[in-house]
Amino acid sequence: MSDFLEVMKGRRSIRRYLPKEISDETMQTVLESVRWAPSWANSQCWELILISDQNLKRDLQSAVSERNPSTNAVVDAPVLIALCGKLKSSGYYKGSAPTKFGDWFMFDLGIMCQTICLAAHAVSLGTVVVGLFDHERAGEIVGLPADHEVVALIPMGYSDQQPSPPKRKEMAEFCHHNIFGRS
């Protein structure tokens, strides 16, 4: 368990990358982790588009908001992952979503996204999750079918920085016992 906690505590959002390619073996290790990420009724509603073509990365960069601090990471990282989800598959039984929250694809993709980021960190790769971009335009650029959504872009590569850990809440600030507000 201590190894897992060290991976959790050590992972950072990386926005600057070394010009070093990721080996096929290392990439396969990260992708294998995705196969084992949990999902609603094992729906595995995710699709990953692994982008290494610089022109395609530049096209996607133009869909990223100028305010986003990860804009350059989209083209600088050796690999850009377009994290996509299939609609109406996670959280559905017989064509309907029986829970208050409907389509669970965002929940499943969140789990899978963290899995990618932690697996990447465990093999000395850095990642950052980019969410502030024109999702429709990104979907068009990568040729996504209408029943799928691009949820996030994840630049991945060897880090060219060592960010400090951000301040974290103390457990007493978010942990409640039996009812909300009781620490």
N, C-alpha and C. Protein backbone atom coordinates (compact mmCIF):
# COMPACT_ATOMS: atom_id res chain seq x y z
N MET A 1 0.82 -1.20 0.00
CA MET A 1 0.00 0.00 0.00
C MET A 1 0.86 1.26 0.00
N SER A 2 2.00 1.20 0.66
CA SER A 2 2.84 2.40 0.71
C SER A 2 3.34 2.79 -0.68
N ASP A 3 3.60 1.81 -1.57
CA ASP A 3 4.02 2.13 -2.93
C ASP A 3 2.92 2.88 -3.67
N PHE A 4 1.68 2.42 -3.51
CA PHE A 4 0.56 3.07 -4.16
C PHE A 4 0.41 4.51 -3.66
N LEU A 5 0.50 4.71 -2.35
CA LEU A 5 0.39 6.05 -1.79
C LEU A 5 1.52 6.96 -2.28
N GLU A 6 2.70 6.41 -2.45
CA GLU A 6 3.82 7.20 -2.99
C GLU A 6 3.54 7.63 -4.42
N VAL A 7 2.96 6.75 -5.23
CA VAL A 7 2.57 7.12 -6.60
C VAL A 7 1.52 8.22 -6.54
N MET A 8 0.51 8.06 -5.70
CA MET A 8 -0.55 9.07 -5.56
C MET A 8 0.03 10.42 -5.13
N LYS A 9 0.87 10.39 -4.12
CA LYS A 9 1.43 11.64 -3.58
C LYS A 9 2.43 12.29 -4.53
N GLY A 10 3.08 11.50 -5.36
CA GLY A 10 4.12 12.03 -6.23
C GLY A 10 3.64 12.56 -7.57
N ARG A 11 2.44 12.16 -8.01
CA ARG A 11 1.95 12.59 -9.31
C ARG A 11 1.60 14.08 -9.31
N ARG A 12 1.99 14.76 -10.36
CA ARG A 12 1.71 16.19 -10.54
C ARG A 12 1.17 16.43 -11.94
N SER A 13 0.55 17.56 -12.14
CA SER A 13 0.17 17.99 -13.48
C SER A 13 1.41 18.55 -14.15
N ILE A 14 1.82 17.90 -15.24
CA ILE A 14 3.04 18.27 -15.95
C ILE A 14 2.67 18.97 -17.26
N ARG A 15 3.23 20.15 -17.46
CA ARG A 15 2.91 20.94 -18.65
C ARG A 15 4.11 21.20 -19.54
N ARG A 16 5.29 20.72 -19.13
CA ARG A 16 6.50 20.86 -19.97
C ARG A 16 7.17 19.50 -20.06
N TYR A 17 7.54 19.14 -21.30
CA TYR A 17 8.06 17.80 -21.56
C TYR A 17 9.41 17.83 -22.26
N LEU A 18 10.20 16.81 -21.97
CA LEU A 18 11.47 16.62 -22.66
C LEU A 18 11.18 16.08 -24.07
N PRO A 19 12.03 16.39 -25.04
CA PRO A 19 11.85 15.86 -26.40
C PRO A 19 12.34 14.41 -26.49
N LYS A 20 11.71 13.53 -25.75
CA LYS A 20 12.10 12.13 -25.67
C LYS A 20 10.88 11.26 -25.96
N GLU A 21 11.02 10.35 -26.90
CA GLU A 21 9.91 9.47 -27.28
C GLU A 21 9.60 8.47 -26.15
N ILE A 22 8.38 8.02 -26.14
CA ILE A 22 7.94 6.99 -25.19
C ILE A 22 8.05 5.65 -25.91
N SER A 23 8.73 4.69 -25.28
CA SER A 23 8.88 3.38 -25.91
C SER A 23 7.54 2.67 -26.01
N ASP A 24 7.43 1.77 -26.96
CA ASP A 24 6.20 0.98 -27.11
C ASP A 24 5.90 0.18 -25.85
N GLU A 25 6.94 -0.36 -25.23
CA GLU A 25 6.77 -1.15 -24.01
C GLU A 25 6.19 -0.31 -22.87
N THR A 26 6.72 0.90 -22.71
CA THR A 26 6.23 1.79 -21.66
C THR A 26 4.79 2.19 -21.94
N MET A 27 4.48 2.50 -23.20
CA MET A 27 3.11 2.88 -23.56
C MET A 27 2.15 1.71 -23.32
N GLN A 28 2.57 0.51 -23.65
CA GLN A 28 1.72 -0.67 -23.42
C GLN A 28 1.44 -0.87 -21.94
N THR A 29 2.42 -0.59 -21.08
CA THR A 29 2.21 -0.71 -19.63
C THR A 29 1.11 0.24 -19.18
N VAL A 30 1.17 1.48 -19.66
CA VAL A 30 0.14 2.46 -19.29
C VAL A 30 -1.22 2.02 -19.82
N LEU A 31 -1.26 1.60 -21.07
CA LEU A 31 -2.54 1.21 -21.68
C LEU A 31 -3.12 -0.06 -21.04
N GLU A 32 -2.27 -0.94 -20.60
CA GLU A 32 -2.75 -2.15 -19.92
C GLU A 32 -3.51 -1.77 -18.64
N SER A 33 -3.08 -0.71 -17.98
CA SER A 33 -3.79 -0.27 -16.77
C SER A 33 -5.23 0.11 -17.09
N VAL A 34 -5.45 0.68 -18.27
CA VAL A 34 -6.80 1.08 -18.67
C VAL A 34 -7.72 -0.13 -18.76
N ARG A 35 -7.19 -1.23 -19.26
CA ARG A 35 -8.00 -2.45 -19.39
C ARG A 35 -8.60 -2.87 -18.06
N TRP A 36 -7.94 -2.52 -16.96
CA TRP A 36 -8.35 -2.99 -15.65
C TRP A 36 -9.06 -1.92 -14.82
N ALA A 37 -9.30 -0.76 -15.39
CA ALA A 37 -10.03 0.28 -14.67
C ALA A 37 -11.49 -0.14 -14.50
N PRO A 38 -12.07 0.11 -13.34
CA PRO A 38 -13.47 -0.28 -13.14
C PRO A 38 -14.42 0.63 -13.92
N SER A 39 -15.59 0.09 -14.25
CA SER A 39 -16.64 0.87 -14.91
C SER A 39 -18.01 0.27 -14.56
N TRP A 40 -19.04 1.06 -14.77
CA TRP A 40 -20.42 0.64 -14.48
C TRP A 40 -20.71 -0.65 -15.24
N ALA A 41 -21.07 -1.69 -14.52
CA ALA A 41 -21.42 -2.99 -15.10
C ALA A 41 -20.40 -3.44 -16.15
N ASN A 42 -19.13 -3.07 -15.91
CA ASN A 42 -18.04 -3.42 -16.82
C ASN A 42 -18.29 -2.94 -18.25
N SER A 43 -18.95 -1.79 -18.38
CA SER A 43 -19.30 -1.27 -19.71
C SER A 43 -18.06 -0.82 -20.50
N GLN A 44 -17.00 -0.43 -19.80
CA GLN A 44 -15.76 0.00 -20.46
C GLN A 44 -16.08 0.95 -21.63
N CYS A 45 -16.76 2.02 -21.32
CA CYS A 45 -17.30 2.94 -22.32
C CYS A 45 -16.25 3.87 -22.94
N TRP A 46 -14.99 3.67 -22.64
CA TRP A 46 -13.95 4.58 -23.11
C TRP A 46 -13.34 4.16 -24.43
N GLU A 47 -12.83 5.16 -25.12
CA GLU A 47 -12.03 5.01 -26.33
C GLU A 47 -10.88 5.98 -26.19
N LEU A 48 -9.69 5.55 -26.53
CA LEU A 48 -8.51 6.42 -26.48
C LEU A 48 -7.98 6.61 -27.89
N ILE A 49 -7.69 7.84 -28.24
CA ILE A 49 -7.04 8.12 -29.51
C ILE A 49 -5.65 8.62 -29.15
N LEU A 50 -4.62 7.85 -29.55
CA LEU A 50 -3.23 8.18 -29.23
C LEU A 50 -2.67 8.99 -30.41
N ILE A 51 -2.32 10.24 -30.14
CA ILE A 51 -1.93 11.16 -31.20
C ILE A 51 -0.47 11.53 -31.06
N SER A 52 0.30 11.23 -32.10
CA SER A 52 1.71 11.62 -32.13
C SER A 52 2.01 12.53 -33.32
N ASP A 53 1.10 12.63 -34.27
CA ASP A 53 1.26 13.48 -35.45
C ASP A 53 1.23 14.95 -35.04
N GLN A 54 2.31 15.68 -35.33
CA GLN A 54 2.42 17.09 -34.91
C GLN A 54 1.34 17.96 -35.52
N ASN A 55 0.98 17.74 -36.78
CA ASN A 55 -0.06 18.56 -37.41
C ASN A 55 -1.40 18.37 -36.73
N LEU A 56 -1.71 17.14 -36.40
CA LEU A 56 -2.96 16.85 -35.71
C LEU A 56 -2.96 17.47 -34.30
N LYS A 57 -1.81 17.39 -33.62
CA LYS A 57 -1.71 18.01 -32.29
C LYS A 57 -1.88 19.53 -32.39
N ARG A 58 -1.33 20.15 -33.44
CA ARG A 58 -1.51 21.59 -33.62
C ARG A 58 -2.98 21.93 -33.87
N ASP A 59 -3.65 21.10 -34.67
CA ASP A 59 -5.09 21.32 -34.89
C ASP A 59 -5.85 21.26 -33.58
N LEU A 60 -5.52 20.28 -32.75
CA LEU A 60 -6.19 20.15 -31.46
C LEU A 60 -5.82 21.31 -30.53
N GLN A 61 -4.58 21.76 -30.61
CA GLN A 61 -4.16 22.89 -29.79
C GLN A 61 -5.02 24.12 -30.11
N SER A 62 -5.40 24.29 -31.36
CA SER A 62 -6.22 25.45 -31.74
C SER A 62 -7.62 25.36 -31.14
N ALA A 63 -8.04 24.18 -30.69
CA ALA A 63 -9.34 24.02 -30.03
C ALA A 63 -9.25 24.28 -28.52
N VAL A 64 -8.03 24.36 -27.99
CA VAL A 64 -7.83 24.58 -26.55
C VAL A 64 -7.94 26.07 -26.25
N SER A 65 -8.62 26.40 -25.19
CA SER A 65 -8.80 27.79 -24.79
C SER A 65 -7.43 28.46 -24.56
N GLU A 66 -7.31 29.69 -25.01
CA GLU A 66 -6.07 30.44 -24.80
C GLU A 66 -5.76 30.64 -23.32
N ARG A 67 -6.80 30.61 -22.49
CA ARG A 67 -6.62 30.78 -21.04
C ARG A 67 -6.05 29.54 -20.38
N ASN A 68 -6.05 28.41 -21.09
CA ASN A 68 -5.63 27.15 -20.50
C ASN A 68 -4.11 27.10 -20.38
N PRO A 69 -3.57 26.91 -19.18
CA PRO A 69 -2.11 26.87 -19.02
C PRO A 69 -1.45 25.65 -19.66
N SER A 70 -2.25 24.70 -20.14
CA SER A 70 -1.71 23.49 -20.76
C SER A 70 -1.70 23.54 -22.29
N THR A 71 -1.97 24.71 -22.86
CA THR A 71 -2.06 24.85 -24.32
C THR A 71 -0.81 24.33 -25.02
N ASN A 72 0.36 24.71 -24.56
CA ASN A 72 1.60 24.27 -25.21
C ASN A 72 1.87 22.79 -24.99
N ALA A 73 1.45 22.26 -23.87
CA ALA A 73 1.67 20.84 -23.57
C ALA A 73 1.01 19.94 -24.62
N VAL A 74 -0.09 20.40 -25.19
CA VAL A 74 -0.82 19.62 -26.19
C VAL A 74 0.07 19.27 -27.38
N VAL A 75 0.94 20.20 -27.78
CA VAL A 75 1.83 19.92 -28.92
C VAL A 75 3.22 19.49 -28.48
N ASP A 76 3.65 19.87 -27.30
CA ASP A 76 5.01 19.56 -26.84
C ASP A 76 5.18 18.12 -26.35
N ALA A 77 4.13 17.53 -25.81
CA ALA A 77 4.23 16.16 -25.31
C ALA A 77 4.38 15.20 -26.49
N PRO A 78 5.19 14.15 -26.35
CA PRO A 78 5.35 13.19 -27.44
C PRO A 78 4.04 12.50 -27.83
N VAL A 79 3.15 12.29 -26.85
CA VAL A 79 1.87 11.65 -27.12
C VAL A 79 0.76 12.50 -26.50
N LEU A 80 -0.29 12.68 -27.27
CA LEU A 80 -1.49 13.35 -26.77
C LEU A 80 -2.61 12.31 -26.83
N ILE A 81 -3.25 12.09 -25.70
CA ILE A 81 -4.36 11.14 -25.66
C ILE A 81 -5.66 11.93 -25.69
N ALA A 82 -6.51 11.62 -26.67
CA ALA A 82 -7.87 12.15 -26.67
C ALA A 82 -8.72 11.10 -25.95
N LEU A 83 -9.20 11.46 -24.79
CA LEU A 83 -9.99 10.56 -23.95
C LEU A 83 -11.45 10.74 -24.34
N CYS A 84 -12.04 9.68 -24.87
CA CYS A 84 -13.40 9.74 -25.40
C CYS A 84 -14.30 8.74 -24.70
N GLY A 85 -15.58 9.02 -24.68
CA GLY A 85 -16.54 8.11 -24.07
C GLY A 85 -17.73 7.87 -24.98
N LYS A 86 -18.21 6.63 -24.95
CA LYS A 86 -19.40 6.26 -25.71
C LYS A 86 -20.63 6.62 -24.88
N LEU A 87 -21.52 7.38 -25.45
CA LEU A 87 -22.73 7.80 -24.76
C LEU A 87 -23.73 6.64 -24.65
N LYS A 88 -24.57 6.73 -23.64
CA LYS A 88 -25.67 5.79 -23.42
C LYS A 88 -25.23 4.33 -23.34
N SER A 89 -24.07 4.10 -22.73
CA SER A 89 -23.65 2.71 -22.49
C SER A 89 -23.36 2.47 -21.02
N SER A 90 -22.82 3.45 -20.34
CA SER A 90 -22.52 3.33 -18.92
C SER A 90 -23.68 3.89 -18.11
N GLY A 91 -24.19 3.09 -17.19
CA GLY A 91 -25.32 3.55 -16.38
C GLY A 91 -26.66 3.24 -17.02
N TYR A 92 -26.66 2.46 -18.07
CA TYR A 92 -27.90 2.14 -18.79
C TYR A 92 -28.26 0.67 -18.65
N TYR A 93 -29.54 0.42 -18.48
CA TYR A 93 -30.09 -0.94 -18.51
C TYR A 93 -31.27 -0.92 -19.48
N LYS A 94 -31.23 -1.78 -20.46
CA LYS A 94 -32.31 -1.91 -21.44
C LYS A 94 -32.68 -0.55 -22.04
N GLY A 95 -31.66 0.25 -22.37
CA GLY A 95 -31.88 1.51 -23.06
C GLY A 95 -32.26 2.70 -22.22
N SER A 96 -32.34 2.55 -20.90
CA SER A 96 -32.66 3.71 -20.06
C SER A 96 -31.68 3.81 -18.90
N ALA A 97 -31.55 5.03 -18.40
CA ALA A 97 -30.64 5.30 -17.28
C ALA A 97 -31.47 5.38 -16.00
N PRO A 98 -31.38 4.37 -15.13
CA PRO A 98 -32.25 4.31 -13.95
C PRO A 98 -31.82 5.17 -12.76
N THR A 99 -30.65 5.80 -12.81
CA THR A 99 -30.21 6.57 -11.65
C THR A 99 -30.46 8.06 -11.84
N LYS A 100 -30.41 8.80 -10.77
CA LYS A 100 -30.59 10.25 -10.78
C LYS A 100 -29.60 10.92 -11.73
N PHE A 101 -28.39 10.37 -11.84
CA PHE A 101 -27.34 11.02 -12.60
C PHE A 101 -27.27 10.59 -14.06
N GLY A 102 -28.16 9.71 -14.49
CA GLY A 102 -28.24 9.34 -15.90
C GLY A 102 -27.00 8.65 -16.42
N ASP A 103 -26.49 9.16 -17.52
CA ASP A 103 -25.32 8.56 -18.17
C ASP A 103 -24.10 8.67 -17.25
N TRP A 104 -23.51 7.54 -16.93
CA TRP A 104 -22.37 7.50 -16.02
C TRP A 104 -21.03 7.55 -16.74
N PHE A 105 -21.03 7.87 -18.04
CA PHE A 105 -19.77 7.83 -18.78
C PHE A 105 -18.73 8.78 -18.19
N MET A 106 -19.14 9.93 -17.67
CA MET A 106 -18.17 10.86 -17.08
C MET A 106 -17.54 10.27 -15.82
N PHE A 107 -18.32 9.58 -15.04
CA PHE A 107 -17.79 8.93 -13.84
C PHE A 107 -16.77 7.88 -14.23
N ASP A 108 -17.14 7.01 -15.17
CA ASP A 108 -16.23 5.95 -15.62
C ASP A 108 -14.96 6.53 -16.25
N LEU A 109 -15.13 7.59 -17.04
CA LEU A 109 -13.96 8.20 -17.67
C LEU A 109 -13.07 8.89 -16.64
N GLY A 110 -13.67 9.41 -15.57
CA GLY A 110 -12.87 10.00 -14.50
C GLY A 110 -11.99 8.95 -13.83
N ILE A 111 -12.56 7.78 -13.56
CA ILE A 111 -11.79 6.69 -12.97
C ILE A 111 -10.66 6.29 -13.92
N MET A 112 -11.01 6.12 -15.18
CA MET A 112 -10.03 5.69 -16.17
C MET A 112 -8.95 6.75 -16.37
N CYS A 113 -9.33 8.01 -16.35
CA CYS A 113 -8.38 9.11 -16.51
C CYS A 113 -7.35 9.09 -15.38
N GLN A 114 -7.82 8.92 -14.16
CA GLN A 114 -6.89 8.84 -13.03
C GLN A 114 -6.00 7.61 -13.17
N THR A 115 -6.57 6.52 -13.64
CA THR A 115 -5.78 5.30 -13.84
C THR A 115 -4.63 5.57 -14.81
N ILE A 116 -4.91 6.24 -15.93
CA ILE A 116 -3.86 6.59 -16.90
C ILE A 116 -2.79 7.45 -16.23
N CYS A 117 -3.23 8.49 -15.54
CA CYS A 117 -2.27 9.43 -14.94
C CYS A 117 -1.39 8.76 -13.89
N LEU A 118 -1.97 7.91 -13.06
CA LEU A 118 -1.18 7.22 -12.04
C LEU A 118 -0.26 6.18 -12.66
N ALA A 119 -0.75 5.44 -13.65
CA ALA A 119 0.10 4.44 -14.32
C ALA A 119 1.25 5.13 -15.03
N ALA A 120 0.98 6.26 -15.67
CA ALA A 120 2.04 7.01 -16.34
C ALA A 120 3.09 7.45 -15.34
N HIS A 121 2.65 7.99 -14.22
CA HIS A 121 3.61 8.44 -13.20
C HIS A 121 4.44 7.27 -12.67
N ALA A 122 3.81 6.12 -12.52
CA ALA A 122 4.51 4.94 -12.00
C ALA A 122 5.64 4.48 -12.92
N VAL A 123 5.55 4.82 -14.23
CA VAL A 123 6.62 4.47 -15.18
C VAL A 123 7.41 5.70 -15.60
N SER A 124 7.41 6.73 -14.73
CA SER A 124 8.21 7.95 -14.89
C SER A 124 7.76 8.88 -16.02
N LEU A 125 6.49 8.82 -16.37
CA LEU A 125 5.93 9.74 -17.35
C LEU A 125 5.08 10.79 -16.63
N GLY A 126 4.99 11.95 -17.23
CA GLY A 126 4.14 13.00 -16.70
C GLY A 126 2.91 13.17 -17.56
N THR A 127 1.84 13.66 -16.95
CA THR A 127 0.58 13.92 -17.64
C THR A 127 -0.05 15.18 -17.07
N VAL A 128 -0.98 15.72 -17.82
CA VAL A 128 -1.87 16.76 -17.31
C VAL A 128 -3.22 16.53 -17.98
N VAL A 129 -4.29 16.72 -17.24
CA VAL A 129 -5.63 16.54 -17.79
C VAL A 129 -6.13 17.89 -18.28
N VAL A 130 -6.40 17.98 -19.57
CA VAL A 130 -6.85 19.23 -20.20
C VAL A 130 -8.35 19.11 -20.45
N GLY A 131 -9.12 20.01 -19.86
CA GLY A 131 -10.56 19.95 -20.02
C GLY A 131 -11.17 21.21 -20.61
N LEU A 132 -10.41 22.30 -20.64
CA LEU A 132 -10.93 23.58 -21.14
C LEU A 132 -10.58 23.71 -22.63
N PHE A 133 -11.48 23.20 -23.47
CA PHE A 133 -11.30 23.26 -24.92
C PHE A 133 -12.65 23.10 -25.60
N ASP A 134 -12.69 23.34 -26.88
CA ASP A 134 -13.91 23.19 -27.68
C ASP A 134 -14.08 21.71 -27.99
N HIS A 135 -14.93 21.05 -27.25
CA HIS A 135 -15.11 19.61 -27.34
C HIS A 135 -15.66 19.17 -28.70
N GLU A 136 -16.60 19.93 -29.23
CA GLU A 136 -17.17 19.57 -30.54
C GLU A 136 -16.10 19.65 -31.62
N ARG A 137 -15.33 20.72 -31.61
CA ARG A 137 -14.27 20.89 -32.61
C ARG A 137 -13.23 19.78 -32.49
N ALA A 138 -12.84 19.45 -31.27
CA ALA A 138 -11.88 18.37 -31.06
C ALA A 138 -12.43 17.06 -31.59
N GLY A 139 -13.71 16.80 -31.37
CA GLY A 139 -14.34 15.59 -31.89
C GLY A 139 -14.29 15.53 -33.40
N GLU A 140 -14.51 16.66 -34.04
CA GLU A 140 -14.44 16.72 -35.51
C GLU A 140 -13.02 16.46 -35.99
N ILE A 141 -12.05 17.03 -35.31
CA ILE A 141 -10.64 16.89 -35.71
C ILE A 141 -10.21 15.42 -35.66
N VAL A 142 -10.65 14.69 -34.63
CA VAL A 142 -10.24 13.29 -34.49
C VAL A 142 -11.21 12.31 -35.15
N GLY A 143 -12.24 12.83 -35.83
CA GLY A 143 -13.17 11.98 -36.56
C GLY A 143 -14.06 11.13 -35.68
N LEU A 144 -14.48 11.68 -34.56
CA LEU A 144 -15.28 10.94 -33.58
C LEU A 144 -16.72 10.75 -34.07
N PRO A 145 -17.28 9.54 -33.92
CA PRO A 145 -18.69 9.35 -34.30
C PRO A 145 -19.63 10.12 -33.37
N ALA A 146 -20.86 10.35 -33.82
CA ALA A 146 -21.83 11.18 -33.09
C ALA A 146 -22.21 10.61 -31.73
N ASP A 147 -22.08 9.31 -31.53
CA ASP A 147 -22.47 8.72 -30.24
C ASP A 147 -21.32 8.67 -29.24
N HIS A 148 -20.28 9.45 -29.48
CA HIS A 148 -19.12 9.55 -28.59
C HIS A 148 -18.83 11.03 -28.29
N GLU A 149 -18.16 11.28 -27.19
CA GLU A 149 -17.71 12.62 -26.82
C GLU A 149 -16.23 12.61 -26.48
N VAL A 150 -15.51 13.66 -26.88
CA VAL A 150 -14.15 13.87 -26.39
C VAL A 150 -14.31 14.56 -25.04
N VAL A 151 -13.82 13.93 -23.99
CA VAL A 151 -14.01 14.44 -22.64
C VAL A 151 -12.78 15.20 -22.15
N ALA A 152 -11.59 14.70 -22.48
CA ALA A 152 -10.36 15.34 -22.03
C ALA A 152 -9.24 15.05 -23.02
N LEU A 153 -8.25 15.90 -22.99
CA LEU A 153 -7.00 15.67 -23.71
C LEU A 153 -5.93 15.46 -22.64
N ILE A 154 -5.09 14.45 -22.83
CA ILE A 154 -4.05 14.17 -21.84
C ILE A 154 -2.69 14.13 -22.53
N PRO A 155 -1.93 15.24 -22.47
CA PRO A 155 -0.54 15.19 -22.94
C PRO A 155 0.26 14.26 -22.02
N MET A 156 1.16 13.47 -22.63
CA MET A 156 1.95 12.52 -21.84
C MET A 156 3.36 12.46 -22.38
N GLY A 157 4.33 12.51 -21.46
CA GLY A 157 5.74 12.40 -21.84
C GLY A 157 6.62 12.49 -20.61
N TYR A 158 7.91 12.59 -20.87
CA TYR A 158 8.87 12.71 -19.77
C TYR A 158 8.94 14.16 -19.34
N SER A 159 8.81 14.38 -18.05
CA SER A 159 8.70 15.72 -17.48
C SER A 159 9.98 16.53 -17.62
N ASP A 160 9.78 17.81 -17.93
CA ASP A 160 10.87 18.77 -17.96
C ASP A 160 10.73 19.74 -16.78
N GLN A 161 10.02 19.33 -15.75
CA GLN A 161 9.82 20.17 -14.57
C GLN A 161 9.54 19.29 -13.36
N GLN A 162 9.70 19.86 -12.19
CA GLN A 162 9.42 19.16 -10.94
C GLN A 162 8.56 20.07 -10.06
N PRO A 163 7.26 20.15 -10.36
CA PRO A 163 6.40 21.04 -9.57
C PRO A 163 6.30 20.60 -8.12
N SER A 164 6.13 21.57 -7.26
CA SER A 164 5.92 21.29 -5.84
C SER A 164 4.50 20.78 -5.64
N PRO A 165 4.29 20.00 -4.58
CA PRO A 165 2.92 19.52 -4.33
C PRO A 165 2.02 20.67 -3.91
N PRO A 166 0.77 20.66 -4.40
CA PRO A 166 -0.17 21.69 -3.98
C PRO A 166 -0.65 21.42 -2.55
N LYS A 167 -1.14 22.46 -1.91
CA LYS A 167 -1.68 22.30 -0.56
C LYS A 167 -2.90 21.38 -0.64
N ARG A 168 -3.00 20.47 0.27
CA ARG A 168 -4.11 19.54 0.33
C ARG A 168 -4.94 19.80 1.59
N LYS A 169 -6.23 19.56 1.50
CA LYS A 169 -7.10 19.68 2.68
C LYS A 169 -6.70 18.62 3.70
N GLU A 170 -6.89 18.95 4.96
CA GLU A 170 -6.73 17.97 6.02
C GLU A 170 -7.96 17.07 6.02
N MET A 171 -7.81 15.83 6.47
CA MET A 171 -8.93 14.89 6.46
C MET A 171 -10.15 15.41 7.21
N ALA A 172 -9.92 16.11 8.32
CA ALA A 172 -11.03 16.64 9.11
C ALA A 172 -11.87 17.66 8.33
N GLU A 173 -11.32 18.20 7.24
CA GLU A 173 -12.04 19.18 6.44
C GLU A 173 -13.02 18.54 5.45
N PHE A 174 -12.85 17.24 5.16
CA PHE A 174 -13.75 16.61 4.19
C PHE A 174 -14.33 15.27 4.67
N CYS A 175 -13.90 14.80 5.82
CA CYS A 175 -14.37 13.52 6.33
C CYS A 175 -15.44 13.78 7.39
N HIS A 176 -16.61 13.18 7.22
CA HIS A 176 -17.73 13.35 8.15
C HIS A 176 -18.07 11.97 8.72
N HIS A 177 -18.48 11.95 9.97
CA HIS A 177 -18.82 10.67 10.61
C HIS A 177 -20.32 10.59 10.85
N ASN A 178 -20.93 9.61 10.24
CA ASN A 178 -22.35 9.28 10.34
C ASN A 178 -23.27 10.32 9.70
N ILE A 179 -23.10 11.61 9.96
CA ILE A 179 -23.90 12.63 9.30
C ILE A 179 -22.99 13.77 8.86
N PHE A 180 -23.44 14.53 7.88
CA PHE A 180 -22.64 15.64 7.36
C PHE A 180 -22.39 16.65 8.46
N GLY A 181 -21.14 17.13 8.53
CA GLY A 181 -20.78 18.15 9.49
C GLY A 181 -20.21 17.63 10.80
N ARG A 182 -20.22 16.33 11.00
CA ARG A 182 -19.69 15.75 12.24
C ARG A 182 -18.33 15.13 11.94
N SER A 183 -17.27 15.72 12.55
CA SER A 183 -15.94 15.16 12.30
C SER A 183 -15.58 14.07 13.27
